[in-house]
N, C-alpha and C. Protein backbone atom coordinates (compact mmCIF):
# COMPACT_ATOMS: atom_id res chain seq x y z
N UNK A 1 61.42 70.22 -11.49
CA UNK A 1 60.89 71.57 -11.39
C UNK A 1 59.42 71.52 -11.84
N UNK A 2 58.54 72.08 -11.03
CA UNK A 2 57.12 72.06 -11.39
C UNK A 2 56.77 73.26 -12.25
N UNK A 3 55.83 73.06 -13.12
CA UNK A 3 55.37 74.14 -13.98
C UNK A 3 54.16 74.78 -13.35
N UNK A 4 54.16 76.07 -13.23
CA UNK A 4 53.03 76.81 -12.68
C UNK A 4 52.34 77.53 -13.82
N UNK A 5 51.05 77.27 -13.93
CA UNK A 5 50.28 77.96 -14.96
C UNK A 5 50.01 79.38 -14.52
N UNK A 6 50.16 80.29 -15.43
CA UNK A 6 49.84 81.69 -15.17
C UNK A 6 48.58 82.05 -15.93
N UNK A 7 47.62 82.55 -15.22
CA UNK A 7 46.38 82.97 -15.84
C UNK A 7 46.41 84.47 -15.98
N UNK A 8 46.21 84.95 -17.16
CA UNK A 8 46.24 86.38 -17.42
C UNK A 8 44.88 86.78 -17.94
N UNK A 9 44.13 87.47 -17.11
CA UNK A 9 42.77 87.84 -17.44
C UNK A 9 42.58 89.31 -17.13
N UNK A 10 41.90 90.00 -18.01
CA UNK A 10 41.56 91.40 -17.75
C UNK A 10 40.07 91.46 -17.50
N UNK A 11 39.71 92.21 -16.50
CA UNK A 11 38.30 92.36 -16.19
C UNK A 11 38.00 93.84 -16.07
N UNK A 12 37.03 94.28 -16.82
CA UNK A 12 36.55 95.64 -16.68
C UNK A 12 35.41 95.59 -15.69
N UNK A 13 35.60 96.20 -14.55
CA UNK A 13 34.59 96.16 -13.51
C UNK A 13 33.56 97.26 -13.71
N UNK A 14 32.31 96.91 -13.55
CA UNK A 14 31.21 97.84 -13.76
C UNK A 14 31.37 99.08 -12.89
N UNK A 15 31.74 98.91 -11.64
CA UNK A 15 31.85 100.03 -10.73
C UNK A 15 33.09 100.88 -10.99
N UNK A 16 34.06 100.33 -11.68
CA UNK A 16 35.33 101.04 -11.87
C UNK A 16 35.43 101.74 -13.21
N UNK A 17 35.04 101.05 -14.28
CA UNK A 17 35.20 101.64 -15.61
C UNK A 17 34.11 101.14 -16.54
N UNK A 18 33.68 101.99 -17.48
CA UNK A 18 32.73 101.52 -18.48
C UNK A 18 33.42 100.58 -19.44
N UNK A 19 32.68 99.70 -20.04
CA UNK A 19 33.24 98.74 -20.98
C UNK A 19 33.08 99.23 -22.41
N UNK A 20 33.84 98.63 -23.30
CA UNK A 20 33.80 98.98 -24.71
C UNK A 20 32.49 98.47 -25.30
N UNK A 21 31.84 99.27 -26.12
CA UNK A 21 30.61 98.85 -26.78
C UNK A 21 30.91 97.70 -27.73
N UNK A 22 29.90 96.93 -28.10
CA UNK A 22 30.17 95.70 -28.85
C UNK A 22 30.12 95.85 -30.37
N UNK A 23 29.57 96.92 -30.91
CA UNK A 23 29.40 97.00 -32.36
C UNK A 23 30.51 97.81 -33.02
N UNK A 24 30.96 97.34 -34.21
CA UNK A 24 31.90 98.10 -35.02
C UNK A 24 33.34 97.97 -34.57
N UNK A 25 34.20 98.72 -35.29
CA UNK A 25 35.63 98.71 -35.00
C UNK A 25 35.93 99.58 -33.79
N UNK A 26 36.92 99.13 -33.01
CA UNK A 26 37.36 99.90 -31.85
C UNK A 26 38.88 99.90 -31.78
N UNK A 27 39.42 100.97 -31.28
CA UNK A 27 40.85 101.08 -31.07
C UNK A 27 41.02 101.84 -29.76
N UNK A 28 41.23 101.11 -28.66
CA UNK A 28 41.19 101.70 -27.33
C UNK A 28 42.51 101.51 -26.59
N UNK A 29 42.77 102.40 -25.66
CA UNK A 29 43.88 102.29 -24.73
C UNK A 29 43.31 101.85 -23.40
N UNK A 30 43.74 100.68 -22.93
CA UNK A 30 43.32 100.16 -21.65
C UNK A 30 44.45 100.35 -20.65
N UNK A 31 44.15 100.92 -19.50
CA UNK A 31 45.15 101.07 -18.44
C UNK A 31 44.70 100.22 -17.26
N UNK A 32 45.65 99.48 -16.70
CA UNK A 32 45.31 98.59 -15.61
C UNK A 32 46.44 98.39 -14.63
N UNK A 33 46.19 97.50 -13.68
CA UNK A 33 47.14 97.21 -12.61
C UNK A 33 47.35 95.70 -12.53
N UNK A 34 48.62 95.29 -12.38
CA UNK A 34 48.97 93.88 -12.24
C UNK A 34 48.65 93.42 -10.82
N UNK A 35 48.00 92.26 -10.73
CA UNK A 35 47.68 91.64 -9.44
C UNK A 35 48.15 90.20 -9.47
N UNK A 36 48.90 89.78 -8.45
CA UNK A 36 49.34 88.38 -8.34
C UNK A 36 48.59 87.73 -7.20
N UNK A 37 48.29 86.47 -7.36
CA UNK A 37 47.59 85.74 -6.31
C UNK A 37 47.45 84.29 -6.72
N UNK A 38 46.44 83.62 -6.15
CA UNK A 38 46.16 82.23 -6.48
C UNK A 38 44.74 82.09 -6.95
N UNK A 39 44.55 81.20 -7.89
CA UNK A 39 43.22 80.90 -8.40
C UNK A 39 43.16 79.40 -8.65
N UNK A 40 42.22 78.74 -8.01
CA UNK A 40 42.07 77.29 -8.12
C UNK A 40 43.37 76.56 -7.77
N UNK A 41 44.07 77.04 -6.75
CA UNK A 41 45.29 76.38 -6.29
C UNK A 41 46.51 76.63 -7.15
N UNK A 42 46.39 77.44 -8.18
CA UNK A 42 47.51 77.74 -9.07
C UNK A 42 47.90 79.21 -8.94
N UNK A 43 49.18 79.50 -9.14
CA UNK A 43 49.62 80.89 -9.17
C UNK A 43 48.93 81.58 -10.33
N UNK A 44 48.46 82.79 -10.10
CA UNK A 44 47.72 83.51 -11.14
C UNK A 44 48.22 84.94 -11.22
N UNK A 45 48.29 85.43 -12.43
CA UNK A 45 48.59 86.83 -12.69
C UNK A 45 47.37 87.41 -13.36
N UNK A 46 46.84 88.47 -12.78
CA UNK A 46 45.65 89.10 -13.34
C UNK A 46 45.95 90.57 -13.60
N UNK A 47 45.20 91.15 -14.51
CA UNK A 47 45.28 92.58 -14.77
C UNK A 47 43.90 93.14 -14.56
N UNK A 48 43.78 94.09 -13.64
CA UNK A 48 42.51 94.76 -13.42
C UNK A 48 42.53 96.08 -14.19
N UNK A 49 41.63 96.20 -15.15
CA UNK A 49 41.57 97.40 -15.98
C UNK A 49 40.79 98.47 -15.24
N UNK A 50 41.35 99.68 -15.17
CA UNK A 50 40.67 100.76 -14.45
C UNK A 50 40.32 101.94 -15.33
N UNK A 51 40.79 101.98 -16.58
CA UNK A 51 40.35 103.05 -17.47
C UNK A 51 40.41 102.60 -18.92
N UNK A 52 39.48 103.15 -19.70
CA UNK A 52 39.38 102.88 -21.13
C UNK A 52 39.26 104.23 -21.83
N UNK A 53 40.10 104.46 -22.84
CA UNK A 53 40.03 105.70 -23.60
C UNK A 53 40.41 105.41 -25.05
N UNK A 54 40.24 106.42 -25.91
CA UNK A 54 40.65 106.25 -27.30
C UNK A 54 42.16 106.08 -27.35
N UNK A 55 42.62 105.22 -28.26
CA UNK A 55 44.06 104.98 -28.39
C UNK A 55 44.79 106.25 -28.81
N UNK A 56 44.23 106.99 -29.75
CA UNK A 56 44.79 108.28 -30.16
C UNK A 56 43.63 109.16 -30.62
N UNK A 57 43.94 110.37 -31.06
CA UNK A 57 42.89 111.31 -31.45
C UNK A 57 42.03 110.82 -32.60
N UNK A 58 42.59 110.00 -33.47
CA UNK A 58 41.88 109.50 -34.65
C UNK A 58 41.11 108.21 -34.36
N UNK A 59 41.36 107.59 -33.23
CA UNK A 59 40.80 106.27 -32.93
C UNK A 59 39.32 106.34 -32.57
N UNK A 60 38.66 105.23 -32.82
CA UNK A 60 37.26 105.09 -32.44
C UNK A 60 37.19 104.11 -31.27
N UNK A 61 36.69 104.58 -30.17
CA UNK A 61 36.58 103.74 -28.98
C UNK A 61 35.32 104.16 -28.24
N UNK A 62 34.19 103.58 -28.63
CA UNK A 62 32.93 103.92 -27.98
C UNK A 62 32.82 103.13 -26.69
N UNK A 63 32.38 103.77 -25.64
CA UNK A 63 32.19 103.10 -24.36
C UNK A 63 30.74 103.20 -23.94
N UNK A 64 30.29 102.22 -23.23
CA UNK A 64 28.91 102.17 -22.77
C UNK A 64 28.91 101.93 -21.26
N UNK A 65 28.21 102.78 -20.54
CA UNK A 65 28.14 102.68 -19.08
C UNK A 65 27.45 101.38 -18.63
N UNK A 66 27.87 100.91 -17.47
CA UNK A 66 27.19 99.80 -16.83
C UNK A 66 27.36 98.44 -17.47
N UNK A 67 28.38 98.24 -18.26
CA UNK A 67 28.59 96.97 -18.94
C UNK A 67 29.87 96.32 -18.45
N UNK A 68 29.86 95.02 -18.24
CA UNK A 68 31.06 94.29 -17.82
C UNK A 68 31.55 93.45 -18.99
N UNK A 69 32.86 93.41 -19.18
CA UNK A 69 33.44 92.66 -20.28
C UNK A 69 34.67 91.92 -19.78
N UNK A 70 34.80 90.65 -20.11
CA UNK A 70 35.99 89.88 -19.77
C UNK A 70 36.58 89.32 -21.05
N UNK A 71 37.91 89.30 -21.12
CA UNK A 71 38.59 88.75 -22.27
C UNK A 71 39.98 88.34 -21.85
N UNK A 72 40.59 87.42 -22.60
CA UNK A 72 41.94 86.98 -22.29
C UNK A 72 42.95 87.91 -22.96
N UNK A 73 43.96 88.24 -22.21
CA UNK A 73 45.08 89.00 -22.75
C UNK A 73 46.17 88.03 -23.14
N UNK A 74 47.00 88.39 -24.12
CA UNK A 74 48.10 87.50 -24.48
C UNK A 74 49.06 87.36 -23.31
N UNK A 75 49.54 86.15 -23.10
CA UNK A 75 50.51 85.90 -22.04
C UNK A 75 51.80 86.66 -22.36
N UNK A 76 52.34 87.31 -21.36
CA UNK A 76 53.58 88.08 -21.56
C UNK A 76 54.42 87.99 -20.30
N UNK A 77 55.64 87.54 -20.45
CA UNK A 77 56.56 87.35 -19.32
C UNK A 77 56.78 88.63 -18.54
N UNK A 78 56.76 89.78 -19.23
CA UNK A 78 56.98 91.07 -18.54
C UNK A 78 55.87 91.34 -17.53
N UNK A 79 54.64 90.98 -17.86
CA UNK A 79 53.52 91.18 -16.95
C UNK A 79 53.61 90.18 -15.80
N UNK A 80 53.90 88.93 -16.12
CA UNK A 80 53.99 87.89 -15.10
C UNK A 80 55.09 88.18 -14.09
N UNK A 81 56.18 88.81 -14.52
CA UNK A 81 57.30 89.11 -13.63
C UNK A 81 57.19 90.48 -12.96
N UNK A 82 56.26 91.30 -13.40
CA UNK A 82 56.09 92.63 -12.81
C UNK A 82 55.52 92.50 -11.40
N UNK A 83 55.96 93.36 -10.49
CA UNK A 83 55.41 93.31 -9.13
C UNK A 83 53.94 93.70 -9.11
N UNK A 84 53.20 93.16 -8.15
CA UNK A 84 51.81 93.56 -7.98
C UNK A 84 51.75 95.07 -7.82
N UNK A 85 50.76 95.67 -8.43
CA UNK A 85 50.61 97.12 -8.37
C UNK A 85 51.22 97.85 -9.56
N UNK A 86 51.98 97.13 -10.39
CA UNK A 86 52.58 97.75 -11.57
C UNK A 86 51.48 98.17 -12.54
N UNK A 87 51.68 99.30 -13.18
CA UNK A 87 50.71 99.78 -14.17
C UNK A 87 51.04 99.18 -15.53
N UNK A 88 49.99 98.81 -16.26
CA UNK A 88 50.14 98.28 -17.62
C UNK A 88 49.23 99.04 -18.56
N UNK A 89 49.66 99.13 -19.81
CA UNK A 89 48.85 99.75 -20.87
C UNK A 89 48.75 98.75 -22.01
N UNK A 90 47.54 98.58 -22.52
CA UNK A 90 47.28 97.71 -23.67
C UNK A 90 46.56 98.50 -24.75
N UNK A 91 46.85 98.14 -25.99
CA UNK A 91 46.06 98.63 -27.12
C UNK A 91 45.07 97.51 -27.43
N UNK A 92 43.79 97.82 -27.32
CA UNK A 92 42.73 96.84 -27.53
C UNK A 92 41.97 97.22 -28.80
N UNK A 93 41.88 96.27 -29.75
CA UNK A 93 41.22 96.55 -31.02
C UNK A 93 40.20 95.46 -31.35
N UNK A 94 39.12 95.89 -31.99
CA UNK A 94 38.16 94.95 -32.56
C UNK A 94 37.92 95.36 -34.01
N UNK A 95 37.50 94.38 -34.80
CA UNK A 95 37.18 94.69 -36.19
C UNK A 95 35.67 94.61 -36.41
N UNK A 96 35.24 94.78 -37.65
CA UNK A 96 33.81 94.76 -37.97
C UNK A 96 33.13 93.44 -37.61
N UNK A 97 33.88 92.34 -37.62
CA UNK A 97 33.31 91.03 -37.29
C UNK A 97 33.31 90.77 -35.78
N UNK A 98 33.87 91.69 -34.99
CA UNK A 98 33.90 91.52 -33.54
C UNK A 98 35.11 90.79 -33.03
N UNK A 99 36.05 90.42 -33.92
CA UNK A 99 37.28 89.77 -33.48
C UNK A 99 38.14 90.80 -32.76
N UNK A 100 38.72 90.39 -31.62
CA UNK A 100 39.50 91.35 -30.85
C UNK A 100 40.96 90.91 -30.70
N UNK A 101 41.80 91.88 -30.38
CA UNK A 101 43.20 91.62 -30.08
C UNK A 101 43.67 92.67 -29.07
N UNK A 102 44.66 92.27 -28.29
CA UNK A 102 45.23 93.20 -27.31
C UNK A 102 46.75 93.12 -27.42
N UNK A 103 47.39 94.27 -27.41
CA UNK A 103 48.84 94.36 -27.53
C UNK A 103 49.39 95.10 -26.32
N UNK A 104 50.34 94.49 -25.61
CA UNK A 104 50.96 95.12 -24.45
C UNK A 104 51.86 96.25 -24.93
N UNK A 105 51.63 97.45 -24.40
CA UNK A 105 52.44 98.61 -24.77
C UNK A 105 53.43 99.02 -23.71
N UNK A 106 53.04 98.85 -22.43
CA UNK A 106 53.86 99.39 -21.34
C UNK A 106 53.65 98.58 -20.06
N UNK A 107 54.73 98.31 -19.35
CA UNK A 107 54.68 97.73 -18.01
C UNK A 107 55.61 98.56 -17.15
N UNK A 108 55.10 99.09 -16.06
CA UNK A 108 55.93 99.91 -15.20
C UNK A 108 55.41 99.93 -13.79
N UNK A 109 56.25 100.40 -12.88
CA UNK A 109 55.87 100.44 -11.46
C UNK A 109 55.02 101.62 -11.13
């Protein structure tokens, strides 16, 4: 049985959504769509982010127009097995040092 690498990448597209500003702490809700395809001859799972908002009323999530940001999302079997077009929600956080993390909250059709 061959092993297929799954690439899970989120891309905030300049034309689609503003990106998160780089300074300070952030706590954002990212909404995106699962896309399956091939990249460099390998099966790939990608998430295209289409909206960024504050995680909750108390959260800080500054956004800046016209900025593109790419980052790796944690690999998750639920996303890899979800059909293309499925909606996903992530909680994206950064701290004062700029370290980031993303937590999968929802996968649905």
